[in-house]
């Protein structure tokens, strides 16, 4: 099986199910916070060139964190972050460091970011391990309507740097119960922020809501401005949390750690002070009740698939009735839907309609190399603990 890392999705033809409108009706709220942010000046302006970090001081607490680990803050800002020596690669939960390098994520760098293709082979799972339902039929991914901020306002792209270069995933703005109306939390996959058992925290993690909001083609974006690519600015993670199981067991390929492949990011704008929820005008509640597949008529996965035949520029979605996928007899069972999305959709939110309200119930984690289905973790007690810890410690910042 392949891990969907920063790019994965697959779709299956489905019988009848919750009509797309069941989910889209809630997502398709006009973003009340973004339409007037331009006039108010709260909307981040286009960033300058990468050199704009010249002379900029890192915040004191971040500089102190770097120094604690024997890292020179100025050297880090000027390129030392590219050192991926194992001895210097921070991996423990308490060691996350992600200082803003203003202007680093320019349009061309975003467009060239690769999908960390995380696939899973048939040998990595079996229907006689735990409880698995028959493999779903592929569901063809559908392009989301534009502008994205009116149809899927909470969805965006997660960018980060790894030893293999610049990478891309998907993510979702989620509500913060301790900071109502002003959440800065983004839900994504663990493999989009941490390398798992073989490495540590990725670097330069950033989130761009409504990336390429008007759904323009590669040709139309050839000389795109920052405003066209990132209309609501770039947000940097000042803290990240994932499960201990992902840190200890996670792997680039196969199913190891996949049932715990989730993460929460606390974001701050590269420019400006407005919260992420206020900026995009919407955020989704996270559902930690792990609803049974029998009780759910349909689930939808949203994301930006980047591996062929997709190019990472357009937001797509798949809707299907979920089934169960068990990787072994001891780990939690995962949700699985048919979907043809590819790498880059990793980390993208899975939504369901709960009494007329759209809630996030999972995220894209793994899928086969054939790109016919996607699987995501059930968000239970472990996921809620990760989320609550983040909200309690950083939500009000």
Protein backbone atom coordinates (compact mmCIF):
# COMPACT_ATOMS: atom_id res chain seq x y z
CA UNK A 1 0.00 0.00 0.00
CA UNK A 2 1.17 3.41 -0.49
CA UNK A 3 1.03 6.11 2.04
CA UNK A 4 -0.62 9.08 0.61
CA UNK A 5 1.80 11.38 2.06
CA UNK A 6 1.64 14.77 0.63
CA UNK A 7 -0.35 13.41 -2.23
CA UNK A 8 -2.80 10.62 -2.51
CA UNK A 9 -6.34 9.91 -3.27
CA UNK A 10 -8.46 7.51 -5.12
CA UNK A 11 -12.05 7.34 -6.00
CA UNK A 12 -14.65 4.74 -6.56
CA UNK A 13 -17.84 4.67 -8.61
CA UNK A 14 -20.56 4.54 -6.09
CA UNK A 15 -24.06 3.48 -5.90
CA UNK A 16 -26.26 6.08 -4.36
CA UNK A 17 -25.11 7.90 -1.32
CA UNK A 18 -25.39 11.12 0.42
CA UNK A 19 -25.61 13.52 -2.46
CA UNK A 20 -22.63 15.80 -2.86
CA UNK A 21 -24.85 18.62 -1.75
CA UNK A 22 -25.08 17.03 1.67
CA UNK A 23 -21.48 17.85 2.34
CA UNK A 24 -20.96 20.73 -0.01
CA UNK A 25 -23.94 22.61 1.37
CA UNK A 26 -22.02 23.31 4.54
CA UNK A 27 -18.64 23.76 2.92
CA UNK A 28 -20.06 26.09 0.31
CA UNK A 29 -20.51 28.94 2.74
CA UNK A 30 -19.27 32.26 1.45
CA UNK A 31 -16.24 33.07 3.53
CA UNK A 32 -17.43 36.01 5.55
CA UNK A 33 -13.98 36.85 6.80
CA UNK A 34 -12.17 36.99 3.47
CA UNK A 35 -14.31 39.26 1.36
CA UNK A 36 -13.67 42.36 3.43
CA UNK A 37 -10.16 41.54 4.63
CA UNK A 38 -8.66 43.22 1.59
CA UNK A 39 -10.20 46.54 2.41
CA UNK A 40 -9.33 46.34 6.08
CA UNK A 41 -5.68 45.67 5.44
CA UNK A 42 -5.78 42.46 7.48
CA UNK A 43 -5.31 40.31 4.39
CA UNK A 44 -1.61 39.47 4.02
CA UNK A 45 -0.07 41.25 1.07
CA UNK A 46 2.03 39.51 -1.54
CA UNK A 47 5.33 38.53 0.01
CA UNK A 48 8.64 39.81 -1.21
CA UNK A 49 11.51 37.74 -2.49
CA UNK A 50 13.21 35.11 -0.40
CA UNK A 51 15.82 37.65 0.52
CA UNK A 52 13.22 39.48 2.57
CA UNK A 53 14.46 37.63 5.63
CA UNK A 54 17.56 39.83 5.56
CA UNK A 55 18.18 41.28 8.97
CA UNK A 56 14.93 39.89 10.34
CA UNK A 57 15.19 38.57 13.86
CA UNK A 58 13.63 35.27 14.81
CA UNK A 59 11.16 35.53 17.71
CA UNK A 60 12.97 35.17 21.01
CA UNK A 61 11.28 31.93 22.07
CA UNK A 62 12.07 30.26 18.74
CA UNK A 63 15.66 31.52 18.80
CA UNK A 64 16.01 30.11 22.33
CA UNK A 65 14.62 26.75 21.19
CA UNK A 66 17.17 26.56 18.39
CA UNK A 67 20.01 27.53 20.71
CA UNK A 68 18.89 24.85 23.18
CA UNK A 69 19.55 22.29 20.47
CA UNK A 70 22.93 23.80 19.56
CA UNK A 71 21.61 25.54 16.43
CA UNK A 72 22.62 29.09 15.51
CA UNK A 73 19.37 31.00 14.75
CA UNK A 74 20.95 33.25 12.13
CA UNK A 75 22.59 30.34 10.35
CA UNK A 76 19.29 28.44 10.38
CA UNK A 77 17.47 31.36 8.81
CA UNK A 78 20.15 31.69 6.14
CA UNK A 79 20.12 28.05 5.04
CA UNK A 80 21.32 25.84 7.91
CA UNK A 81 17.84 24.25 7.96
CA UNK A 82 18.98 22.31 4.86
CA UNK A 83 21.26 20.19 7.07
CA UNK A 84 19.46 16.85 7.46
CA UNK A 85 22.24 15.00 9.31
CA UNK A 86 20.55 12.41 11.46
CA UNK A 87 22.27 13.65 14.62
CA UNK A 88 20.85 17.13 14.04
CA UNK A 89 17.36 16.14 12.90
CA UNK A 90 15.00 16.88 15.80
CA UNK A 91 12.42 14.11 16.20
CA UNK A 92 10.91 14.12 19.70
CA UNK A 93 7.44 15.58 20.23
CA UNK A 94 8.82 18.37 22.42
CA UNK A 95 11.49 19.40 19.90
CA UNK A 96 9.40 20.90 17.09
CA UNK A 97 10.96 24.09 15.70
CA UNK A 98 9.65 25.92 12.62
CA UNK A 99 10.76 29.57 12.45
CA UNK A 100 9.24 31.74 9.71
CA UNK A 101 11.52 32.48 6.78
CA UNK A 102 9.59 35.27 5.13
CA UNK A 103 9.20 34.92 1.38
CA UNK A 104 10.54 31.36 1.24
CA UNK A 105 7.33 29.91 -0.19
CA UNK A 106 7.17 31.87 -3.43
CA UNK A 107 4.77 30.82 -6.24
CA UNK A 108 7.32 28.85 -8.26
CA UNK A 109 8.59 27.02 -5.18
CA UNK A 110 5.04 26.07 -4.27
CA UNK A 111 4.27 24.84 -7.78
CA UNK A 112 7.42 22.70 -7.90
CA UNK A 113 6.81 21.00 -4.54
CA UNK A 114 6.58 17.21 -4.92
CA UNK A 115 4.11 14.79 -3.44
CA UNK A 116 5.66 12.45 -0.86
CA UNK A 117 4.18 9.38 -2.43
CA UNK A 118 3.19 6.98 0.33
CA UNK A 119 1.89 3.74 -1.14
CA UNK A 120 0.84 0.46 0.39
CA UNK A 121 1.18 -2.91 -1.29
CA UNK A 122 -1.26 -5.81 -1.12
CA UNK A 123 1.14 -7.71 1.11
CA UNK A 124 0.80 -5.01 3.76
CA UNK A 125 -2.84 -5.78 4.45
CA UNK A 126 -5.14 -8.74 4.26
CA UNK A 127 -8.84 -9.33 4.61
CA UNK A 128 -8.17 -12.00 7.23
CA UNK A 129 -6.46 -9.52 9.55
CA UNK A 130 -8.94 -7.74 11.75
CA UNK A 131 -12.03 -6.68 9.84
CA UNK A 132 -11.75 -5.46 6.24
CA UNK A 133 -14.54 -4.95 3.75
CA UNK A 134 -14.13 -5.76 0.05
CA UNK A 135 -11.93 -3.35 -1.86
CA UNK A 136 -14.09 -0.47 -3.17
CA UNK A 137 -14.57 0.30 -6.82
CA UNK A 138 -12.68 3.38 -8.00
CA UNK A 139 -14.54 6.68 -7.72
CA UNK A 140 -13.35 9.31 -10.15
CA UNK A 141 -12.17 12.47 -8.41
CA UNK A 142 -14.17 15.59 -9.25
CA UNK A 143 -12.77 19.09 -9.51
CA UNK A 144 -14.12 21.43 -6.83
CA UNK A 145 -16.07 24.46 -8.02
CA UNK A 146 -14.29 27.79 -8.05
CA UNK A 147 -13.70 30.09 -6.33
CA UNK A 148 -12.57 27.66 -3.67
CA UNK A 149 -13.14 30.12 -0.85
CA UNK A 150 -16.87 30.00 -1.58
CA UNK A 151 -17.17 26.22 -1.99
CA UNK A 152 -14.54 24.69 0.30
CA UNK A 153 -13.19 27.56 2.37
CA UNK A 154 -11.45 25.47 5.09
CA UNK A 155 -9.36 23.43 2.58
CA UNK A 156 -5.81 24.33 1.55
CA UNK A 157 -2.31 23.06 0.85
CA UNK A 158 0.40 22.18 3.38
CA UNK A 159 3.97 22.81 2.22
CA UNK A 160 7.15 21.58 3.90
CA UNK A 161 10.79 20.75 3.26
CA UNK A 162 12.21 17.24 3.68
CA UNK A 163 15.58 15.64 2.85
CA UNK A 164 14.09 14.87 -0.61
CA UNK A 165 13.22 18.51 -1.28
CA UNK A 166 10.09 20.64 -1.13
CA UNK A 167 6.92 18.62 -0.56
CA UNK A 168 3.20 19.24 -0.54
CA UNK A 169 0.15 17.83 1.26
CA UNK A 170 -3.39 19.01 1.93
CA UNK A 171 -5.02 20.26 5.12
CA UNK A 172 -8.21 21.63 6.67
CA UNK A 173 -8.90 24.55 9.01
CA UNK A 174 -10.68 23.14 12.07
CA UNK A 175 -12.53 24.79 14.92
CA UNK A 176 -10.74 25.42 18.20
CA UNK A 177 -13.15 25.10 21.15
CA UNK A 178 -10.84 27.24 23.30
CA UNK A 179 -10.65 30.03 20.75
CA UNK A 180 -14.14 30.20 19.19
CA UNK A 181 -14.36 32.05 15.89
CA UNK A 182 -10.63 32.67 15.80
CA UNK A 183 -9.07 29.24 15.29
CA UNK A 184 -5.53 28.90 13.99
CA UNK A 185 -5.61 25.08 13.89
CA UNK A 186 -5.10 22.96 10.75
CA UNK A 187 -5.71 19.21 10.56
CA UNK A 188 -3.48 17.10 8.30
CA UNK A 189 -1.63 13.76 8.22
CA UNK A 190 1.25 12.84 10.51
CA UNK A 191 3.43 11.97 7.52
CA UNK A 192 3.07 15.57 6.32
CA UNK A 193 4.88 16.93 9.38
CA UNK A 194 7.11 14.11 10.69
CA UNK A 195 9.14 11.38 8.98
CA UNK A 196 8.16 8.74 11.53
CA UNK A 197 10.52 6.06 12.81
CA UNK A 198 13.30 6.88 10.34
CA UNK A 199 13.55 10.62 10.92
CA UNK A 200 12.21 13.71 12.62
CA UNK A 201 10.16 16.87 12.14
CA UNK A 202 9.99 18.33 8.66
CA UNK A 203 10.87 22.00 8.24
CA UNK A 204 9.40 25.21 6.88
CA UNK A 205 5.87 23.85 7.36
CA UNK A 206 3.31 26.31 5.97
CA UNK A 207 -0.38 26.33 5.04
CA UNK A 208 -1.98 28.16 2.11
CA UNK A 209 -5.80 28.27 2.28
CA UNK A 210 -7.71 28.31 -1.03
CA UNK A 211 -4.50 27.75 -3.00
CA UNK A 212 -5.06 28.87 -6.63
CA UNK A 213 -8.52 30.05 -5.61
CA UNK A 214 -9.80 30.50 -9.17
CA UNK A 215 -8.56 27.09 -10.37
CA UNK A 216 -6.28 28.49 -13.08
CA UNK A 217 -4.25 26.21 -15.36
CA UNK A 218 -0.49 25.84 -15.34
CA UNK A 219 -0.22 28.07 -18.43
CA UNK A 220 -2.33 30.77 -16.83
CA UNK A 221 -0.14 30.62 -13.72
CA UNK A 222 3.18 30.69 -15.57
CA UNK A 223 4.05 34.12 -14.20
CA UNK A 224 1.58 34.09 -11.33
CA UNK A 225 1.79 36.62 -8.54
CA UNK A 226 1.78 35.62 -4.89
CA UNK A 227 -1.78 36.97 -4.72
CA UNK A 228 -3.01 34.55 -7.41
CA UNK A 229 -1.43 31.52 -5.77
CA UNK A 230 -2.01 32.41 -2.12
CA UNK A 231 -4.95 34.86 -2.08
CA UNK A 232 -5.33 34.71 1.70
CA UNK A 233 -1.67 34.61 2.56
CA UNK A 234 0.74 32.03 3.91
CA UNK A 235 0.46 30.69 7.46
CA UNK A 236 3.42 29.08 9.24
CA UNK A 237 3.19 26.36 11.87
CA UNK A 238 4.59 27.59 15.16
CA UNK A 239 3.74 24.24 16.73
CA UNK A 240 2.85 20.78 15.48
CA UNK A 241 1.53 17.66 17.21
CA UNK A 242 1.19 14.12 15.94
CA UNK A 243 0.70 10.78 17.62
CA UNK A 244 3.50 9.01 19.46
CA UNK A 245 2.56 5.93 17.43
CA UNK A 246 3.32 7.75 14.18
CA UNK A 247 6.65 9.05 15.53
CA UNK A 248 7.63 5.56 16.72
CA UNK A 249 6.19 3.40 13.91
CA UNK A 250 5.52 5.57 10.86
CA UNK A 251 7.25 4.76 7.58
CA UNK A 252 7.51 6.29 4.10
CA UNK A 253 5.83 3.30 2.49
CA UNK A 254 3.62 0.48 3.66
CA UNK A 255 1.00 0.65 6.37
CA UNK A 256 3.20 1.04 9.47
CA UNK A 257 1.68 3.70 11.72
CA UNK A 258 -1.13 4.52 9.26
CA UNK A 259 -3.99 4.06 11.78
CA UNK A 260 -2.33 6.88 13.77
CA UNK A 261 -1.34 9.03 10.80
CA UNK A 262 -2.87 12.36 11.85
CA UNK A 263 -1.52 15.72 13.00
CA UNK A 264 -2.63 19.15 14.19
CA UNK A 265 -0.80 22.38 13.36
CA UNK A 266 -1.06 25.72 15.13
CA UNK A 267 -0.56 28.44 12.53
CA UNK A 268 0.45 32.08 12.48
CA UNK A 269 0.28 34.40 9.47
CA UNK A 270 3.52 35.27 7.73
CA UNK A 271 2.13 38.79 7.56
CA UNK A 272 -0.68 40.39 9.53
CA UNK A 273 -2.43 39.29 12.71
CA UNK A 274 -5.85 37.99 11.65
CA UNK A 275 -6.64 34.40 12.66
CA UNK A 276 -6.91 31.69 10.04
CA UNK A 277 -10.62 31.08 10.72
CA UNK A 278 -11.41 34.78 10.42
CA UNK A 279 -9.40 35.00 7.21
CA UNK A 280 -11.05 32.09 5.37
CA UNK A 281 -14.46 32.64 6.96
CA UNK A 282 -15.03 29.04 8.04
CA UNK A 283 -13.64 26.11 10.03
CA UNK A 284 -14.93 22.59 10.63
CA UNK A 285 -15.52 20.74 13.87
CA UNK A 286 -13.54 17.52 14.37
CA UNK A 287 -15.64 14.44 15.10
CA UNK A 288 -13.85 12.07 17.50
CA UNK A 289 -16.77 9.65 17.87
CA UNK A 290 -15.37 7.15 15.29
CA UNK A 291 -18.79 6.49 13.73
CA UNK A 292 -19.26 2.97 12.38
CA UNK A 293 -19.29 2.58 8.60
CA UNK A 294 -22.80 1.15 8.82
CA UNK A 295 -24.04 4.43 10.32
CA UNK A 296 -22.47 6.69 7.71
CA UNK A 297 -24.16 7.06 4.34
CA UNK A 298 -21.25 8.85 2.71
CA UNK A 299 -17.84 10.35 3.34
CA UNK A 300 -16.04 12.86 1.17
CA UNK A 301 -12.28 13.39 0.82
CA UNK A 302 -10.97 16.78 -0.30
CA UNK A 303 -7.44 17.65 -1.37
CA UNK A 304 -4.98 18.80 -4.00
CA UNK A 305 -3.69 15.67 -5.81
CA UNK A 306 -0.27 16.37 -7.31
CA UNK A 307 0.92 13.12 -8.89
CA UNK A 308 -0.10 12.33 -12.52
CA UNK A 309 -2.63 12.65 -14.01
CA UNK A 310 -3.04 15.65 -11.67
CA UNK A 311 -0.63 18.55 -11.33
CA UNK A 312 -1.33 19.81 -7.82
CA UNK A 313 -2.92 23.07 -8.95
CA UNK A 314 -6.58 22.11 -8.60
CA UNK A 315 -8.69 21.08 -5.61
CA UNK A 316 -10.52 17.78 -6.06
CA UNK A 317 -12.94 15.64 -4.04
CA UNK A 318 -14.33 12.11 -3.89
CA UNK A 319 -17.61 11.00 -2.33
CA UNK A 320 -18.27 7.37 -1.44
CA UNK A 321 -19.85 5.07 1.09
CA UNK A 322 -17.01 4.09 3.45
CA UNK A 323 -15.80 0.58 4.19
CA UNK A 324 -13.32 -0.81 6.70
CA UNK A 325 -9.62 -1.55 6.26
CA UNK A 326 -7.67 -3.51 8.89
CA UNK A 327 -3.90 -3.55 8.51
CA UNK A 328 -3.46 -6.06 11.34
CA UNK A 329 -5.39 -7.56 14.22
CA UNK A 330 -4.17 -5.12 16.88
CA UNK A 331 -4.25 -1.60 15.39
CA UNK A 332 -7.50 0.35 14.97
CA UNK A 333 -9.46 -0.25 11.78
CA UNK A 334 -9.27 2.51 9.16
CA UNK A 335 -11.92 4.01 6.90
CA UNK A 336 -11.60 3.32 3.17
CA UNK A 337 -13.35 4.86 0.16
CA UNK A 338 -12.95 4.55 -3.59
CA UNK A 339 -11.06 7.54 -5.00
CA UNK A 340 -8.68 8.25 -7.89
CA UNK A 341 -6.86 11.14 -6.24
CA UNK A 342 -3.09 10.75 -6.12
CA UNK A 343 -0.24 11.94 -3.93
CA UNK A 344 -0.56 15.51 -2.71
CA UNK A 345 -4.05 14.82 -1.43
CA UNK A 346 -2.42 13.27 1.65
CA UNK A 347 -3.57 14.95 4.82
CA UNK A 348 -6.72 16.27 3.17
CA UNK A 349 -9.82 16.14 5.32
CA UNK A 350 -12.58 13.53 5.15
CA UNK A 351 -15.98 15.00 5.89
CA UNK A 352 -19.40 13.62 6.71
CA UNK A 353 -22.79 15.19 7.26
CA UNK A 354 -23.86 14.92 10.89
CA UNK A 355 -27.41 16.17 11.35
CA UNK A 356 -27.02 18.84 8.69
CA UNK A 357 -23.58 19.90 9.91
CA UNK A 358 -20.35 19.05 8.09
CA UNK A 359 -17.65 17.63 10.38
CA UNK A 360 -14.13 16.34 9.80
CA UNK A 361 -13.98 12.62 10.55
CA UNK A 362 -10.62 11.49 9.07
CA UNK A 363 -7.77 12.47 6.76
CA UNK A 364 -6.13 10.85 3.75
CA UNK A 365 -3.27 8.58 4.80
CA UNK A 366 -2.58 5.67 2.43
CA UNK A 367 -3.66 4.19 -0.87
CA UNK A 368 -2.45 1.69 -3.49
CA UNK A 369 -0.07 2.52 -6.33
CA UNK A 370 -3.00 1.96 -8.68
CA UNK A 371 -4.76 5.01 -7.19
CA UNK A 372 -8.15 3.34 -6.90
CA UNK A 373 -8.93 3.95 -3.22
CA UNK A 374 -7.88 5.95 -0.17
CA UNK A 375 -7.76 5.05 3.51
CA UNK A 376 -7.76 7.29 6.56
CA UNK A 377 -7.50 6.78 10.33
CA UNK A 378 -10.51 6.70 12.61
CA UNK A 379 -10.10 9.68 14.91
CA UNK A 380 -10.65 8.30 18.38
CA UNK A 381 -9.16 8.80 21.83
CA UNK A 382 -5.53 9.15 20.67
CA UNK A 383 -6.46 11.76 18.08
CA UNK A 384 -8.57 13.71 20.55
CA UNK A 385 -5.70 13.76 23.03
CA UNK A 386 -3.36 15.21 20.39
CA UNK A 387 -5.99 17.81 19.48
CA UNK A 388 -6.88 18.76 23.06
CA UNK A 389 -3.25 19.16 24.04
CA UNK A 390 -2.67 21.50 21.10
CA UNK A 391 -5.82 23.51 21.81
CA UNK A 392 -5.10 23.84 25.52
CA UNK A 393 -1.46 24.90 25.09
CA UNK A 394 -1.59 27.01 21.95
CA UNK A 395 -5.23 27.65 20.98
CA UNK A 396 -5.53 31.08 22.60
CA UNK A 397 -2.28 32.41 21.15
